[in-house]
Every structure is written in C-alpha cells, then in structure tokens.
Amino acid sequence: MPSKAFNVAYVEIGLLEKAPEQAEMLKLYGLAKIAQGEDISTKSAPGMFNFVAKEKYNAWKKLADEGISAADADKQYVELVNEYKTKYGIKPEDKLTAEEKEKLAKAKA
C-alpha cells in the first residue's frame, strides 16, 4: 500500500506549472505502478501501433525487471516529484481549482 507521502506526490505531479519531460513522466509512471502494487507479469504488452501504451509499459517493465520493491518505488517517486516541484514549479494554492484542492486534501488526510 502506498505511503501518505506517495499519495500527496501523486496528486502534486498534476499541479506542476510546467509538465516534466516525457522520459521523466515515463519513469514516474513505472514507479507509480510498482508502488501501487501492480504486477506487470499479469499484463500483456500493448500492440506495436499503440505507441503511448507501449512506452508506458516498457518504462514499467524496465523498473520491474530491475527488481525494485514497492517501498523503494514509493520512496523514489516521492523524491522525484519533490525534485520536479523545484525544477518546474507548482501552482500556488490560491490558483488551484476546487477539484484540485479536494484531491490534495484527500491525499493529505
């Protein structure tokens, strides 16, 4: 089960002022899947023409093949989001929508 810090970071990644680069987002995707306890061995690889799904799957598989634990994935995810908050900036609370505020409050609860 993901940590509270992970849940907050999972929401905060969507609140950045600027989107991280594709490679950064793919790594976060793979880490999130592992941190949330999803097992890649139960999933089939997407078709060759589904480029986005294939990139995401490959990022997840790479981390899974490295044997990263759910706890380590959780920790790395939080650390990366914290780096990206500094690198890309995060929206100030008074600029968040009601929905964003609600999601963040739920994650922090």
C-alpha atoms as a PDB file:
ATOM      1  CA  MET A   1       0.000   0.000   0.000  1.00  0.00           C
ATOM      2  CA  PRO A   2       1.464   3.372  -0.979  1.00  0.00           C
ATOM      3  CA  SER A   3       2.544   5.823   1.702  1.00  0.00           C
ATOM      4  CA  LYS A   4       0.755   9.059   2.508  1.00  0.00           C
ATOM      5  CA  ALA A   5       3.726  10.942   1.015  1.00  0.00           C
ATOM      6  CA  PHE A   6       3.268   8.963  -2.215  1.00  0.00           C
ATOM      7  CA  ASN A   7      -0.442   9.794  -2.347  1.00  0.00           C
ATOM      8  CA  VAL A   8       0.313  13.504  -1.921  1.00  0.00           C
ATOM      9  CA  ALA A   9       3.076  13.394  -4.560  1.00  0.00           C
ATOM     10  CA  TYR A  10       0.737  11.507  -6.917  1.00  0.00           C
ATOM     11  CA  VAL A  11      -1.656  14.466  -6.792  1.00  0.00           C
ATOM     12  CA  GLU A  12       1.066  17.121  -6.810  1.00  0.00           C
ATOM     13  CA  ILE A  13       2.574  15.882 -10.072  1.00  0.00           C
ATOM     14  CA  GLY A  14      -0.592  17.116 -11.775  1.00  0.00           C
ATOM     15  CA  LEU A  15      -0.220  20.541 -10.167  1.00  0.00           C
ATOM     16  CA  LEU A  16       3.133  21.468 -11.668  1.00  0.00           C
ATOM     17  CA  GLU A  17       3.368  24.774 -13.534  1.00  0.00           C
ATOM     18  CA  LYS A  18       5.128  23.046 -16.445  1.00  0.00           C
ATOM     19  CA  ALA A  19       4.910  19.405 -17.445  1.00  0.00           C
ATOM     20  CA  PRO A  20       8.036  17.287 -16.924  1.00  0.00           C
ATOM     21  CA  GLU A  21       9.768  15.819 -19.946  1.00  0.00           C
ATOM     22  CA  GLN A  22       8.426  12.593 -21.425  1.00  0.00           C
ATOM     23  CA  ALA A  23      11.259  10.441 -20.044  1.00  0.00           C
ATOM     24  CA  GLU A  24      10.670  11.872 -16.573  1.00  0.00           C
ATOM     25  CA  MET A  25       6.942  11.140 -16.761  1.00  0.00           C
ATOM     26  CA  LEU A  26       7.556   7.607 -18.005  1.00  0.00           C
ATOM     27  CA  LYS A  27       9.830   6.872 -15.055  1.00  0.00           C
ATOM     28  CA  LEU A  28       7.179   8.236 -12.682  1.00  0.00           C
ATOM     29  CA  TYR A  29       4.581   6.038 -14.386  1.00  0.00           C
ATOM     30  CA  GLY A  30       6.663   2.908 -13.853  1.00  0.00           C
ATOM     31  CA  LEU A  31       7.438   3.805 -10.256  1.00  0.00           C
ATOM     32  CA  ALA A  32       3.770   4.520  -9.536  1.00  0.00           C
ATOM     33  CA  LYS A  33       2.662   1.167 -10.941  1.00  0.00           C
ATOM     34  CA  ILE A  34       5.151  -0.675  -8.743  1.00  0.00           C
ATOM     35  CA  ALA A  35       4.472   1.467  -5.650  1.00  0.00           C
ATOM     36  CA  GLN A  36       0.746   0.764  -6.042  1.00  0.00           C
ATOM     37  CA  GLY A  37       1.451  -2.967  -6.014  1.00  0.00           C
ATOM     38  CA  GLU A  38       0.554  -3.685  -9.627  1.00  0.00           C
ATOM     39  CA  ASP A  39       2.163  -6.783 -11.134  1.00  0.00           C
ATOM     40  CA  ILE A  40       3.386  -6.402 -14.704  1.00  0.00           C
ATOM     41  CA  SER A  41       3.506 -10.176 -15.179  1.00  0.00           C
ATOM     42  CA  THR A  42      -0.302 -10.203 -15.175  1.00  0.00           C
ATOM     43  CA  LYS A  43      -0.479  -7.670 -18.018  1.00  0.00           C
ATOM     44  CA  SER A  44       0.074  -8.286 -21.704  1.00  0.00           C
ATOM     45  CA  ALA A  45       2.229  -5.940 -23.746  1.00  0.00           C
ATOM     46  CA  PRO A  46       0.272  -3.436 -25.833  1.00  0.00           C
ATOM     47  CA  GLY A  47       0.171  -3.722 -29.608  1.00  0.00           C
ATOM     48  CA  MET A  48       3.007  -2.299 -31.664  1.00  0.00           C
ATOM     49  CA  PHE A  49       0.880   0.562 -33.013  1.00  0.00           C
ATOM     50  CA  ASN A  50      -0.250   1.731 -29.592  1.00  0.00           C
ATOM     51  CA  PHE A  51       2.859   3.852 -29.108  1.00  0.00           C
ATOM     52  CA  VAL A  52       1.906   5.652 -25.901  1.00  0.00           C
ATOM     53  CA  ALA A  53       0.785   2.490 -24.114  1.00  0.00           C
ATOM     54  CA  LYS A  54       3.905   0.678 -25.321  1.00  0.00           C
ATOM     55  CA  GLU A  55       6.212   3.418 -23.950  1.00  0.00           C
ATOM     56  CA  LYS A  56       4.445   3.310 -20.581  1.00  0.00           C
ATOM     57  CA  TYR A  57       4.546  -0.480 -20.455  1.00  0.00           C
ATOM     58  CA  ASN A  58       8.261  -0.531 -21.330  1.00  0.00           C
ATOM     59  CA  ALA A  59       9.071   2.031 -18.619  1.00  0.00           C
ATOM     60  CA  TRP A  60       7.178  -0.061 -16.068  1.00  0.00           C
ATOM     61  CA  LYS A  61       8.769  -3.313 -17.271  1.00  0.00           C
ATOM     62  CA  LYS A  62      12.285  -1.861 -17.106  1.00  0.00           C
ATOM     63  CA  LEU A  63      11.843  -0.983 -13.439  1.00  0.00           C
ATOM     64  CA  ALA A  64      10.123  -4.289 -12.675  1.00  0.00           C
ATOM     65  CA  ASP A  65      12.979  -6.196 -14.337  1.00  0.00           C
ATOM     66  CA  GLU A  66      15.437  -4.314 -12.104  1.00  0.00           C
ATOM     67  CA  GLY A  67      13.609  -5.858  -9.141  1.00  0.00           C
ATOM     68  CA  ILE A  68      12.667  -2.590  -7.465  1.00  0.00           C
ATOM     69  CA  SER A  69      10.443  -3.133  -4.438  1.00  0.00           C
ATOM     70  CA  ALA A  70       7.149  -1.333  -3.862  1.00  0.00           C
ATOM     71  CA  ALA A  71       8.682   0.509  -0.891  1.00  0.00           C
ATOM     72  CA  ASP A  72      11.672   1.681  -2.950  1.00  0.00           C
ATOM     73  CA  ALA A  73       9.412   2.722  -5.833  1.00  0.00           C
ATOM     74  CA  ASP A  74       7.265   4.686  -3.381  1.00  0.00           C
ATOM     75  CA  LYS A  75      10.320   6.481  -1.979  1.00  0.00           C
ATOM     76  CA  GLN A  76      11.831   7.216  -5.397  1.00  0.00           C
ATOM     77  CA  TYR A  77       8.502   8.524  -6.706  1.00  0.00           C
ATOM     78  CA  VAL A  78       8.206  10.990  -3.815  1.00  0.00           C
ATOM     79  CA  GLU A  79      11.830  12.107  -4.227  1.00  0.00           C
ATOM     80  CA  LEU A  80      11.403  12.692  -7.967  1.00  0.00           C
ATOM     81  CA  VAL A  81       8.172  14.643  -7.547  1.00  0.00           C
ATOM     82  CA  ASN A  82       9.896  16.829  -4.956  1.00  0.00           C
ATOM     83  CA  GLU A  83      12.724  17.462  -7.450  1.00  0.00           C
ATOM     84  CA  TYR A  84      10.221  18.297 -10.192  1.00  0.00           C
ATOM     85  CA  LYS A  85       8.346  20.696  -7.916  1.00  0.00           C
ATOM     86  CA  THR A  86      11.575  22.672  -7.616  1.00  0.00           C
ATOM     87  CA  LYS A  87      12.523  22.268 -11.278  1.00  0.00           C
ATOM     88  CA  TYR A  88       9.120  23.043 -12.833  1.00  0.00           C
ATOM     89  CA  GLY A  89       7.306  24.939 -10.084  1.00  0.00           C
ATOM     90  CA  ILE A  90       3.986  24.055  -8.509  1.00  0.00           C
ATOM     91  CA  LYS A  91       0.780  26.055  -8.644  1.00  0.00           C
ATOM     92  CA  PRO A  92       0.149  28.187  -5.566  1.00  0.00           C
ATOM     93  CA  GLU A  93      -2.822  27.037  -3.513  1.00  0.00           C
ATOM     94  CA  ASP A  94      -4.899  30.101  -4.435  1.00  0.00           C
ATOM     95  CA  LYS A  95      -4.589  29.102  -8.135  1.00  0.00           C
ATOM     96  CA  LEU A  96      -5.889  25.546  -7.645  1.00  0.00           C
ATOM     97  CA  THR A  97      -9.337  24.577  -8.846  1.00  0.00           C
ATOM     98  CA  ALA A  98     -11.874  23.267  -6.349  1.00  0.00           C
ATOM     99  CA  GLU A  99     -11.319  19.755  -7.728  1.00  0.00           C
ATOM    100  CA  GLU A 100      -7.523  20.035  -7.344  1.00  0.00           C
ATOM    101  CA  LYS A 101      -7.905  21.305  -3.778  1.00  0.00           C
ATOM    102  CA  GLU A 102     -10.231  18.410  -2.965  1.00  0.00           C
ATOM    103  CA  LYS A 103      -7.846  15.792  -4.402  1.00  0.00           C
ATOM    104  CA  LEU A 104      -4.922  17.283  -2.499  1.00  0.00           C
ATOM    105  CA  ALA A 105      -6.886  17.422   0.757  1.00  0.00           C
ATOM    106  CA  LYS A 106      -7.934  13.759   0.343  1.00  0.00           C
ATOM    107  CA  ALA A 107      -4.333  12.711  -0.288  1.00  0.00           C
ATOM    108  CA  LYS A 108      -3.147  14.564   2.812  1.00  0.00           C
ATOM    109  CA  ALA A 109      -5.901  13.119   5.043  1.00  0.00           C
END
